[in-house]
Amino acid sequence: MYNTRGGTEFTCSLVVVDMAALRRLIKGAPKPYFLVPPTFLLSHRGIASKLFVGGLSFYTTEKGLLDAFSQYGQVMEAKIITDRVSDKSKGFGFVTYASEDEAEKAIAEMNGKDLNGRVIFVDYAKPKLAIGGGMPIARGPPDPVDKLHFKDTGTEN
């Protein structure tokens, strides 16, 4: 508090923020553990094994997938991939086991078996590649065609 000559009091606080330092702090800070799903942590430590399940019936639910695969071990997650627009199944999904032994057992037992009237195939899921990352990059108009090239070959536009 400051006292001026007229006897009035006011509070003044000045905060200076270094935006570059703030950006570095936010960008470099690790995510709190409670924001990261446990399946992410397990799969990146090499403990959990994720399986790809193809050839699923369009009537198979995630609960049905979980029930079918849980007899071979502890299923951490059972996920059926759906179309974004229609919200219908795309006919494949993923099952994540707590251990590699359980996943191997499930592959041996479930690959080629019937589930809800369809023969499914089961294999280890391939790692997801981070290519593109969302919105396409606008690159501008195409380069002009070099007419000299066409004159050399004997054809021209």
Protein backbone atom coordinates (compact mmCIF):
# COMPACT_ATOMS: atom_id res chain seq x y z
CA MET A 1 0.00 0.00 0.00
CA TYR A 2 1.18 3.43 -0.84
CA ASN A 3 0.20 6.63 0.87
CA THR A 4 0.05 9.66 -1.37
CA ARG A 5 0.08 13.32 -0.29
CA GLY A 6 -3.72 13.53 -0.40
CA GLY A 7 -4.07 10.75 2.15
CA THR A 8 -5.56 8.15 -0.18
CA GLU A 9 -4.23 4.63 -0.18
CA PHE A 10 -3.93 2.26 -3.13
CA THR A 11 -2.38 -1.07 -3.82
CA CYS A 12 -0.04 -1.52 -6.74
CA SER A 13 1.43 -4.76 -7.92
CA LEU A 14 3.50 -5.26 -11.01
CA VAL A 15 3.94 -8.70 -12.51
CA VAL A 16 6.40 -9.14 -15.32
CA VAL A 17 6.12 -12.40 -17.20
CA ASP A 18 8.85 -13.63 -19.48
CA MET A 19 6.70 -15.32 -22.16
CA ALA A 20 9.63 -17.24 -23.68
CA ALA A 21 10.50 -18.72 -20.29
CA LEU A 22 6.84 -19.56 -19.70
CA ARG A 23 6.61 -21.35 -23.08
CA ARG A 24 9.76 -23.35 -22.31
CA LEU A 25 8.37 -24.29 -18.93
CA ILE A 26 5.03 -25.45 -20.35
CA LYS A 27 6.50 -27.22 -23.38
CA GLY A 28 9.18 -29.04 -21.44
CA ALA A 29 7.06 -29.91 -18.43
CA PRO A 30 6.07 -33.57 -18.25
CA LYS A 31 2.36 -34.33 -18.23
CA PRO A 32 0.95 -35.16 -14.83
CA TYR A 33 0.62 -38.91 -14.42
CA PHE A 34 -3.13 -38.70 -13.85
CA LEU A 35 -3.69 -37.27 -17.36
CA VAL A 36 -1.96 -40.20 -19.08
CA PRO A 37 -4.04 -43.39 -19.49
CA PRO A 38 -2.52 -46.47 -17.83
CA THR A 39 -2.59 -48.44 -21.09
CA PHE A 40 -0.29 -45.79 -22.62
CA LEU A 41 2.22 -46.19 -19.80
CA LEU A 42 2.13 -49.97 -19.92
CA SER A 43 2.49 -50.22 -23.68
CA HIS A 44 5.42 -47.82 -23.73
CA ARG A 45 7.23 -49.80 -21.04
CA GLY A 46 6.90 -52.99 -23.02
CA ILE A 47 4.71 -54.72 -20.44
CA ALA A 48 1.36 -54.73 -22.22
CA SER A 49 0.76 -56.37 -25.58
CA LYS A 50 -1.73 -54.95 -28.04
CA LEU A 51 -3.42 -57.27 -30.52
CA PHE A 52 -5.16 -56.44 -33.78
CA VAL A 53 -8.43 -58.30 -34.33
CA GLY A 54 -9.75 -58.26 -37.90
CA GLY A 55 -12.81 -59.68 -39.60
CA LEU A 56 -15.19 -58.74 -36.80
CA SER A 57 -18.92 -58.89 -37.31
CA PHE A 58 -20.56 -55.47 -37.45
CA TYR A 59 -22.72 -56.65 -34.54
CA THR A 60 -19.79 -57.38 -32.24
CA THR A 61 -19.67 -54.96 -29.29
CA GLU A 62 -16.69 -53.94 -27.18
CA LYS A 63 -18.18 -55.91 -24.28
CA GLY A 64 -18.51 -58.98 -26.50
CA LEU A 65 -14.90 -58.59 -27.64
CA LEU A 66 -13.78 -58.20 -24.02
CA ASP A 67 -15.71 -61.30 -22.94
CA ALA A 68 -14.34 -63.42 -25.80
CA PHE A 69 -10.70 -62.51 -25.13
CA SER A 70 -10.77 -62.29 -21.31
CA GLN A 71 -10.75 -66.09 -20.99
CA TYR A 72 -7.08 -66.04 -22.09
CA GLY A 73 -5.83 -63.46 -19.59
CA GLN A 74 -6.30 -60.00 -18.10
CA VAL A 75 -7.64 -57.68 -20.80
CA MET A 76 -6.69 -54.06 -20.13
CA GLU A 77 -8.74 -52.64 -23.01
CA ALA A 78 -10.97 -53.88 -25.82
CA LYS A 79 -11.69 -51.31 -28.51
CA ILE A 80 -13.70 -51.60 -31.73
CA ILE A 81 -12.87 -48.98 -34.36
CA THR A 82 -15.91 -47.13 -35.68
CA ASP A 83 -16.59 -44.77 -38.55
CA ARG A 84 -16.61 -41.13 -37.42
CA VAL A 85 -19.67 -40.16 -39.44
CA SER A 86 -21.98 -43.17 -39.16
CA ASP A 87 -20.62 -44.48 -35.82
CA LYS A 88 -20.78 -48.03 -37.23
CA SER A 89 -18.07 -50.64 -36.73
CA LYS A 90 -15.32 -50.81 -39.35
CA GLY A 91 -14.95 -54.56 -38.74
CA PHE A 92 -11.73 -54.50 -36.73
CA GLY A 93 -10.53 -53.65 -33.26
CA PHE A 94 -7.77 -53.93 -30.70
CA VAL A 95 -7.36 -55.92 -27.49
CA THR A 96 -4.66 -54.99 -24.98
CA TYR A 97 -3.39 -57.63 -22.56
CA ALA A 98 -1.45 -57.05 -19.35
CA SER A 99 1.32 -59.47 -20.35
CA GLU A 100 2.93 -60.81 -23.49
CA ASP A 101 2.32 -64.43 -22.48
CA GLU A 102 -1.43 -63.86 -22.30
CA ALA A 103 -1.38 -62.14 -25.69
CA GLU A 104 0.49 -65.07 -27.28
CA LYS A 105 -2.03 -67.48 -25.79
CA ALA A 106 -4.92 -65.42 -27.19
CA ILE A 107 -3.35 -65.33 -30.67
CA ALA A 108 -2.87 -69.10 -30.65
CA GLU A 109 -6.44 -69.78 -29.49
CA MET A 110 -8.47 -67.07 -31.24
CA ASN A 111 -6.81 -66.70 -34.65
CA GLY A 112 -9.08 -68.31 -37.25
CA LYS A 113 -11.91 -68.90 -34.79
CA ASP A 114 -15.56 -67.95 -35.18
CA LEU A 115 -16.86 -64.91 -33.28
CA ASN A 116 -20.47 -63.81 -33.81
CA GLY A 117 -20.72 -65.70 -37.08
CA ARG A 118 -17.48 -64.40 -38.63
CA VAL A 119 -14.02 -65.94 -38.78
CA ILE A 120 -11.61 -63.50 -37.12
CA PHE A 121 -7.86 -63.17 -37.44
CA VAL A 122 -5.67 -62.04 -34.58
CA ASP A 123 -2.08 -60.79 -34.65
CA TYR A 124 0.15 -58.32 -32.84
CA ALA A 125 -0.81 -54.72 -33.56
CA LYS A 126 1.69 -52.66 -35.51
CA PRO A 127 2.90 -49.44 -33.86
CA LYS A 128 1.00 -46.34 -34.87
CA LEU A 129 3.06 -44.08 -37.11
CA ALA A 130 2.75 -40.34 -36.55
CA ILE A 131 2.80 -39.24 -40.18
CA GLY A 132 0.96 -36.13 -41.27
CA GLY A 133 -0.50 -35.33 -37.91
CA GLY A 134 -3.89 -33.91 -38.86
CA MET A 135 -4.54 -31.03 -41.20
CA PRO A 136 -2.89 -31.14 -44.61
CA ILE A 137 -0.32 -28.50 -45.41
CA ALA A 138 -1.29 -26.07 -48.15
CA ARG A 139 1.52 -26.06 -50.66
CA GLY A 140 0.18 -23.58 -53.22
CA PRO A 141 -0.43 -24.05 -56.93
CA PRO A 142 1.51 -26.68 -58.84
CA ASP A 143 4.76 -25.72 -60.52
CA PRO A 144 4.41 -24.59 -64.14
CA VAL A 145 5.13 -27.27 -66.70
CA ASP A 146 8.40 -26.82 -68.52
CA LYS A 147 7.45 -26.67 -72.24
CA LEU A 148 11.05 -27.21 -73.34
CA HIS A 149 10.87 -30.71 -71.94
CA PHE A 150 7.89 -31.51 -74.14
CA LYS A 151 9.56 -30.03 -77.25
CA ASP A 152 12.57 -32.32 -76.73
CA THR A 153 10.38 -35.41 -76.67
CA GLY A 154 8.46 -34.36 -79.76
CA THR A 155 5.11 -33.83 -77.97
CA GLU A 156 3.68 -30.51 -76.89
CA ASN A 157 0.51 -29.40 -75.13
